[in-house]
N, C-alpha and C. Protein backbone atom coordinates (compact mmCIF):
# COMPACT_ATOMS: atom_id res chain seq x y z
N MET A 1 -13.87 66.62 -15.38
CA MET A 1 -14.05 65.67 -15.41
C MET A 1 -14.82 64.82 -14.61
N GLY A 2 -14.44 63.38 -14.27
CA GLY A 2 -14.99 62.54 -13.90
C GLY A 2 -14.59 62.20 -12.39
N GLN A 3 -15.00 61.16 -12.13
CA GLN A 3 -14.55 61.27 -10.26
C GLN A 3 -13.08 60.38 -10.05
N PRO A 4 -12.55 61.00 -9.15
CA PRO A 4 -11.05 60.41 -9.36
C PRO A 4 -11.09 58.44 -9.47
N ARG A 5 -9.91 58.47 -10.18
CA ARG A 5 -9.79 56.61 -9.88
C ARG A 5 -9.10 56.15 -8.49
N SER A 6 -9.59 55.14 -9.02
CA SER A 6 -9.67 54.48 -7.08
C SER A 6 -8.48 53.49 -7.40
N PRO A 7 -7.50 53.95 -6.08
CA PRO A 7 -6.33 52.68 -6.18
C PRO A 7 -6.91 50.96 -6.13
N LEU A 8 -7.67 51.09 -6.08
CA LEU A 8 -8.26 49.31 -5.87
C LEU A 8 -8.19 49.03 -7.14
N ARG A 9 -8.65 50.08 -8.28
CA ARG A 9 -8.53 49.31 -9.32
C ARG A 9 -6.86 48.49 -9.96
N PHE A 10 -6.21 48.87 -9.61
CA PHE A 10 -4.40 49.05 -10.06
C PHE A 10 -4.03 47.38 -8.70
N LEU A 11 -5.05 47.38 -7.60
CA LEU A 11 -4.44 46.85 -6.09
C LEU A 11 -5.13 45.34 -6.67
N ALA A 12 -6.47 45.33 -7.12
CA ALA A 12 -6.99 43.32 -7.72
C ALA A 12 -6.05 42.83 -8.26
N PRO A 13 -5.75 43.65 -9.59
CA PRO A 13 -4.38 42.82 -10.43
C PRO A 13 -3.61 42.53 -9.55
N MET A 14 -2.81 43.61 -9.21
CA MET A 14 -1.45 43.35 -8.75
C MET A 14 -2.13 41.90 -7.48
N ALA A 15 -3.18 42.03 -6.69
CA ALA A 15 -2.93 40.57 -5.30
C ALA A 15 -3.07 39.53 -6.34
N LEU A 16 -3.38 39.26 -7.30
CA LEU A 16 -3.81 38.07 -8.33
C LEU A 16 -2.98 37.42 -8.39
N VAL A 17 -2.29 38.52 -9.16
CA VAL A 17 -0.53 37.94 -9.46
C VAL A 17 0.49 37.37 -8.20
N ALA A 18 0.01 38.54 -6.91
CA ALA A 18 0.98 38.17 -6.08
C ALA A 18 -0.13 36.50 -5.65
N PHE A 19 -0.97 36.06 -6.04
CA PHE A 19 -1.85 35.20 -5.18
C PHE A 19 -0.64 33.91 -5.76
N GLY A 20 -1.16 33.97 -7.18
CA GLY A 20 -0.62 33.19 -8.49
C GLY A 20 0.84 32.73 -7.75
N PHE A 21 2.16 33.86 -8.25
CA PHE A 21 3.13 33.62 -7.43
C PHE A 21 3.17 33.01 -6.26
N ALA A 22 2.87 33.58 -5.07
CA ALA A 22 2.76 32.54 -4.69
C ALA A 22 2.45 31.25 -4.16
N LEU A 23 1.43 30.54 -5.07
CA LEU A 23 1.03 29.37 -5.32
C LEU A 23 1.86 28.82 -6.09
N VAL A 24 2.20 28.87 -6.79
CA VAL A 24 3.47 28.24 -7.93
C VAL A 24 4.76 28.17 -6.80
N THR A 25 5.03 28.90 -6.16
CA THR A 25 5.81 28.73 -5.31
C THR A 25 6.14 27.68 -4.10
N ILE A 26 4.61 28.01 -3.49
CA ILE A 26 4.37 26.68 -2.46
C ILE A 26 4.23 25.70 -3.06
N VAL A 27 3.86 24.93 -4.45
CA VAL A 27 3.58 24.06 -4.79
C VAL A 27 5.18 23.66 -5.37
N ALA A 28 5.66 24.60 -5.91
CA ALA A 28 7.13 23.79 -6.40
C ALA A 28 8.09 23.38 -5.15
N SER A 29 8.30 24.14 -3.97
CA SER A 29 8.90 23.37 -3.32
C SER A 29 8.02 22.99 -2.42
N ALA A 30 6.90 21.92 -2.40
CA ALA A 30 6.98 21.19 -1.46
C ALA A 30 7.01 20.30 -2.42
N GLY A 31 7.53 19.74 -3.82
CA GLY A 31 8.46 18.65 -4.09
C GLY A 31 7.53 17.68 -4.54
N PRO A 32 7.27 16.79 -5.01
CA PRO A 32 6.98 15.70 -5.59
C PRO A 32 6.73 15.07 -4.39
N LEU A 33 5.76 13.70 -4.89
CA LEU A 33 4.40 12.72 -3.95
C LEU A 33 5.11 11.65 -3.88
N ALA A 34 5.07 11.24 -2.52
CA ALA A 34 6.19 10.20 -2.19
C ALA A 34 6.39 9.27 -2.89
N GLY A 35 7.67 8.60 -3.74
CA GLY A 35 7.54 6.97 -4.72
C GLY A 35 7.41 8.08 -5.76
N GLN A 36 8.10 9.44 -6.21
CA GLN A 36 7.61 9.68 -7.61
C GLN A 36 9.15 9.86 -8.86
N THR A 37 9.94 10.43 -7.64
CA THR A 37 10.94 10.54 -7.86
C THR A 37 12.24 9.52 -8.75
N GLN A 38 12.70 9.66 -9.95
CA GLN A 38 13.39 8.67 -10.19
C GLN A 38 14.64 7.73 -9.43
N GLN A 39 15.13 9.15 -7.99
CA GLN A 39 16.15 8.66 -6.97
C GLN A 39 15.61 7.66 -5.74
N SER A 40 14.08 8.60 -5.54
CA SER A 40 13.46 7.37 -5.01
C SER A 40 13.19 5.85 -4.53
N GLN A 41 12.61 6.04 -6.70
CA GLN A 41 12.35 4.89 -6.80
C GLN A 41 12.89 3.47 -6.52
N PRO A 42 14.49 3.15 -6.37
CA PRO A 42 14.97 2.42 -6.62
C PRO A 42 15.53 2.22 -5.41
N ALA A 43 15.85 3.53 -4.34
CA ALA A 43 15.54 2.53 -2.60
C ALA A 43 14.64 2.32 -2.09
N ALA A 44 13.36 2.71 -2.75
CA ALA A 44 12.34 2.13 -2.23
C ALA A 44 12.01 0.39 -2.75
N ALA A 45 12.49 0.55 -3.92
CA ALA A 45 11.76 -1.00 -4.79
C ALA A 45 13.23 -1.99 -3.84
N ALA A 46 14.18 -1.36 -3.84
CA ALA A 46 15.37 -1.89 -3.04
C ALA A 46 14.45 -2.26 -1.48
N GLN A 47 13.71 -1.19 -0.77
CA GLN A 47 13.32 -1.81 0.38
C GLN A 47 12.47 -2.80 0.23
N THR A 48 11.77 -2.40 -1.06
CA THR A 48 10.74 -3.70 -0.46
C THR A 48 11.22 -4.57 -0.97
N THR A 49 11.81 -4.91 -1.23
CA THR A 49 12.47 -6.48 -2.34
C THR A 49 13.26 -7.33 -1.37
N SER A 50 13.96 -6.13 -0.34
CA SER A 50 14.66 -7.28 1.01
C SER A 50 13.42 -7.24 2.35
N ALA A 51 12.45 -6.55 2.58
CA ALA A 51 11.41 -6.67 3.33
C ALA A 51 10.89 -7.59 3.02
N GLU A 52 10.82 -7.90 1.48
CA GLU A 52 10.05 -9.07 1.41
C GLU A 52 10.55 -10.56 0.97
N ARG A 53 11.67 -10.49 0.91
CA ARG A 53 12.49 -11.46 1.59
C ARG A 53 12.92 -11.88 3.05
N SER A 54 12.82 -11.08 3.92
CA SER A 54 12.92 -11.59 5.05
C SER A 54 11.33 -12.08 5.91
N SER A 55 10.35 -11.30 4.96
CA SER A 55 8.81 -11.55 5.10
C SER A 55 8.80 -13.46 4.75
N SER A 56 9.21 -13.53 3.42
CA SER A 56 9.11 -14.47 2.76
C SER A 56 9.93 -16.15 4.16
N ASP A 57 10.92 -15.15 4.55
CA ASP A 57 11.47 -16.29 5.20
C ASP A 57 11.29 -16.69 6.01
N SER A 58 10.07 -15.47 7.00
CA SER A 58 10.24 -15.40 8.01
C SER A 58 9.09 -16.64 7.94
N THR A 59 7.68 -15.93 6.85
CA THR A 59 6.65 -17.25 6.98
C THR A 59 6.91 -18.65 6.64
N ARG A 60 8.57 -19.30 5.93
CA ARG A 60 8.56 -20.61 4.96
C ARG A 60 8.89 -21.30 6.32
N ARG A 61 9.83 -20.66 7.56
CA ARG A 61 10.11 -21.18 8.46
C ARG A 61 8.57 -21.54 9.62
N ALA A 62 7.92 -19.95 9.08
CA ALA A 62 6.35 -20.45 10.16
C ALA A 62 6.15 -21.72 10.12
N GLY A 63 6.11 -21.53 8.52
CA GLY A 63 4.70 -22.79 7.41
C GLY A 63 5.28 -24.12 8.23
N ARG A 64 6.58 -23.96 8.15
CA ARG A 64 7.55 -25.44 8.32
C ARG A 64 6.58 -25.79 9.98
N ARG A 65 6.90 -24.64 10.99
CA ARG A 65 6.93 -24.89 12.64
C ARG A 65 5.34 -25.27 13.14
N ARG A 66 4.05 -24.51 12.20
CA ARG A 66 2.79 -24.41 12.78
C ARG A 66 2.25 -25.70 11.90
N ARG A 67 0.96 -26.03 12.61
CA ARG A 67 0.42 -26.84 12.35
C ARG A 67 -0.86 -26.10 11.61
N SER A 68 -1.31 -25.54 12.02
CA SER A 68 -3.18 -24.96 11.73
C SER A 68 -2.58 -23.63 11.57
N TYR A 69 -3.43 -23.06 10.71
CA TYR A 69 -3.77 -21.84 10.77
C TYR A 69 -5.12 -21.52 11.02
N THR A 70 -5.36 -20.18 11.37
CA THR A 70 -6.62 -19.94 12.39
C THR A 70 -6.88 -18.54 10.50
N VAL A 71 -8.48 -18.73 9.75
CA VAL A 71 -8.62 -18.10 8.55
C VAL A 71 -8.74 -16.29 9.65
N ARG A 72 -8.28 -15.12 9.00
CA ARG A 72 -8.94 -14.10 9.81
C ARG A 72 -9.62 -13.57 8.02
N ALA A 73 -11.08 -12.56 8.77
CA ALA A 73 -11.41 -12.12 7.50
C ALA A 73 -10.91 -11.04 6.42
N GLY A 74 -11.55 -11.74 5.32
CA GLY A 74 -10.54 -11.12 3.86
C GLY A 74 -9.80 -12.44 3.74
N ASP A 75 -9.28 -13.21 4.39
CA ASP A 75 -8.15 -14.02 3.62
C ASP A 75 -8.41 -14.28 2.45
N THR A 76 -7.70 -15.01 1.29
CA THR A 76 -7.98 -16.11 0.54
C THR A 76 -7.22 -17.71 0.62
N LEU A 77 -7.69 -18.41 -0.09
CA LEU A 77 -6.60 -19.16 0.39
C LEU A 77 -5.39 -19.31 -0.80
N GLY A 78 -5.56 -18.70 -1.58
CA GLY A 78 -3.61 -17.99 -2.12
C GLY A 78 -2.69 -16.97 -1.18
N ALA A 79 -3.28 -16.17 0.05
CA ALA A 79 -2.88 -15.50 0.62
C ALA A 79 -2.35 -15.88 1.70
N ILE A 80 -3.56 -16.59 2.21
CA ILE A 80 -2.83 -17.98 3.43
C ILE A 80 -1.77 -18.66 2.99
N ALA A 81 -1.65 -19.60 1.12
CA ALA A 81 -0.93 -19.88 1.29
C ALA A 81 0.69 -19.80 1.42
N GLU A 82 0.71 -18.15 0.62
CA GLU A 82 1.86 -17.34 -0.09
C GLU A 82 2.08 -16.82 2.00
N GLU A 83 1.31 -16.54 3.07
CA GLU A 83 2.05 -16.49 4.48
C GLU A 83 2.07 -17.46 4.86
N THR A 84 1.78 -19.00 4.70
CA THR A 84 2.39 -20.08 5.74
C THR A 84 3.42 -20.99 4.94
N GLY A 85 3.48 -20.37 3.22
CA GLY A 85 4.57 -21.35 2.69
C GLY A 85 3.97 -22.37 2.62
N VAL A 86 2.90 -22.67 2.38
CA VAL A 86 2.39 -24.48 2.20
C VAL A 86 1.30 -23.81 1.02
N PRO A 87 1.98 -24.62 -0.27
CA PRO A 87 1.31 -24.24 -1.50
C PRO A 87 -0.35 -24.56 -1.22
N VAL A 88 -0.91 -24.23 -2.61
CA VAL A 88 -2.79 -24.03 -2.19
C VAL A 88 -3.35 -25.55 -2.76
N GLU A 89 -2.22 -26.40 -3.25
CA GLU A 89 -2.72 -27.32 -3.88
C GLU A 89 -2.45 -28.13 -2.35
N GLU A 90 -1.50 -28.07 -2.03
CA GLU A 90 -0.98 -29.11 -0.21
C GLU A 90 -2.09 -28.66 0.80
N LEU A 91 -2.98 -27.18 0.93
CA LEU A 91 -4.00 -26.62 1.85
C LEU A 91 -5.00 -27.54 1.44
N GLN A 92 -5.15 -27.49 0.25
CA GLN A 92 -6.88 -28.16 -0.19
C GLN A 92 -6.76 -29.25 0.20
N ARG A 93 -5.56 -30.38 0.02
CA ARG A 93 -5.39 -31.84 -0.30
C ARG A 93 -5.33 -32.33 1.78
N LEU A 94 -4.45 -31.44 2.21
CA LEU A 94 -4.81 -31.59 3.95
C LEU A 94 -6.32 -30.64 4.32
N ASN A 95 -7.07 -30.04 3.52
CA ASN A 95 -8.58 -29.96 4.24
C ASN A 95 -9.41 -30.40 2.59
N PRO A 96 -9.68 -31.57 2.82
CA PRO A 96 -10.86 -31.86 1.96
C PRO A 96 -12.30 -31.09 1.87
N ASP A 97 -12.28 -31.26 2.69
CA ASP A 97 -13.92 -30.02 3.37
C ASP A 97 -13.93 -28.60 2.64
N LEU A 98 -12.62 -28.54 2.61
CA LEU A 98 -12.13 -26.62 2.79
C LEU A 98 -12.89 -26.01 1.19
N ASP A 99 -13.82 -25.22 1.33
CA ASP A 99 -14.67 -24.71 0.16
C ASP A 99 -13.81 -23.11 -0.12
N PRO A 100 -12.78 -22.69 -0.72
CA PRO A 100 -12.17 -21.60 -1.31
C PRO A 100 -12.65 -20.56 -1.18
N GLN A 101 -14.02 -20.72 -1.95
CA GLN A 101 -15.01 -19.48 -2.08
C GLN A 101 -15.59 -19.38 -1.13
N ALA A 102 -15.56 -19.96 0.27
CA ALA A 102 -16.49 -19.39 1.38
C ALA A 102 -15.61 -19.73 2.38
N LEU A 103 -14.23 -19.13 2.74
CA LEU A 103 -13.34 -18.99 4.16
C LEU A 103 -14.53 -18.60 5.41
N GLY A 104 -14.18 -18.08 6.55
CA GLY A 104 -14.88 -18.31 7.09
C GLY A 104 -13.51 -17.74 8.47
N ALA A 105 -13.89 -16.41 8.59
CA ALA A 105 -13.10 -16.41 9.54
C ALA A 105 -13.71 -17.31 11.25
N GLY A 106 -12.43 -17.44 11.48
CA GLY A 106 -12.09 -18.78 12.57
C GLY A 106 -12.35 -19.21 11.96
N GLU A 107 -11.98 -20.25 10.87
CA GLU A 107 -12.06 -21.86 10.29
C GLU A 107 -10.52 -22.07 10.73
N LYS A 108 -10.22 -22.98 10.97
CA LYS A 108 -8.70 -23.62 11.48
C LYS A 108 -8.38 -24.53 10.49
N LEU A 109 -7.77 -24.38 9.49
CA LEU A 109 -6.97 -24.76 8.45
C LEU A 109 -5.17 -25.44 8.81
N LYS A 110 -5.62 -26.99 8.45
CA LYS A 110 -4.14 -27.80 8.89
C LYS A 110 -3.05 -27.53 7.48
N LEU A 111 -1.89 -26.78 8.39
CA LEU A 111 -0.36 -26.91 7.40
C LEU A 111 0.10 -27.56 6.96
N ARG A 112 -0.06 -28.98 7.48
CA ARG A 112 0.30 -30.43 7.36
C ARG A 112 0.28 -31.12 8.15
N GLN A 113 0.12 -32.63 8.51
CA GLN A 113 -0.48 -34.05 8.74
C GLN A 113 0.22 -34.19 10.22
């Protein structure tokens, strides 16, 4: 008859099955990514909402006290208005030479008269 059969002929498929089982087990135990479960979404939304409230309250108060704002790289007029609590129209009225499309870092904007 021929040569004896090698035990590797049986071990290779078993190793492949074991690897597949281990992969499925690891992926299943890792759980969903952050914010993807239904239970964590409302909690995250509630935290964001409360954070937004405190942030908007503090920026409104900061907008009343500060007289000027120094533009940072990447700022937009809308973002400045939101951060300071001063409407875009008011920023444009207080800063007539302002070009909203060409805000430069370090530029000072009046927030009130």
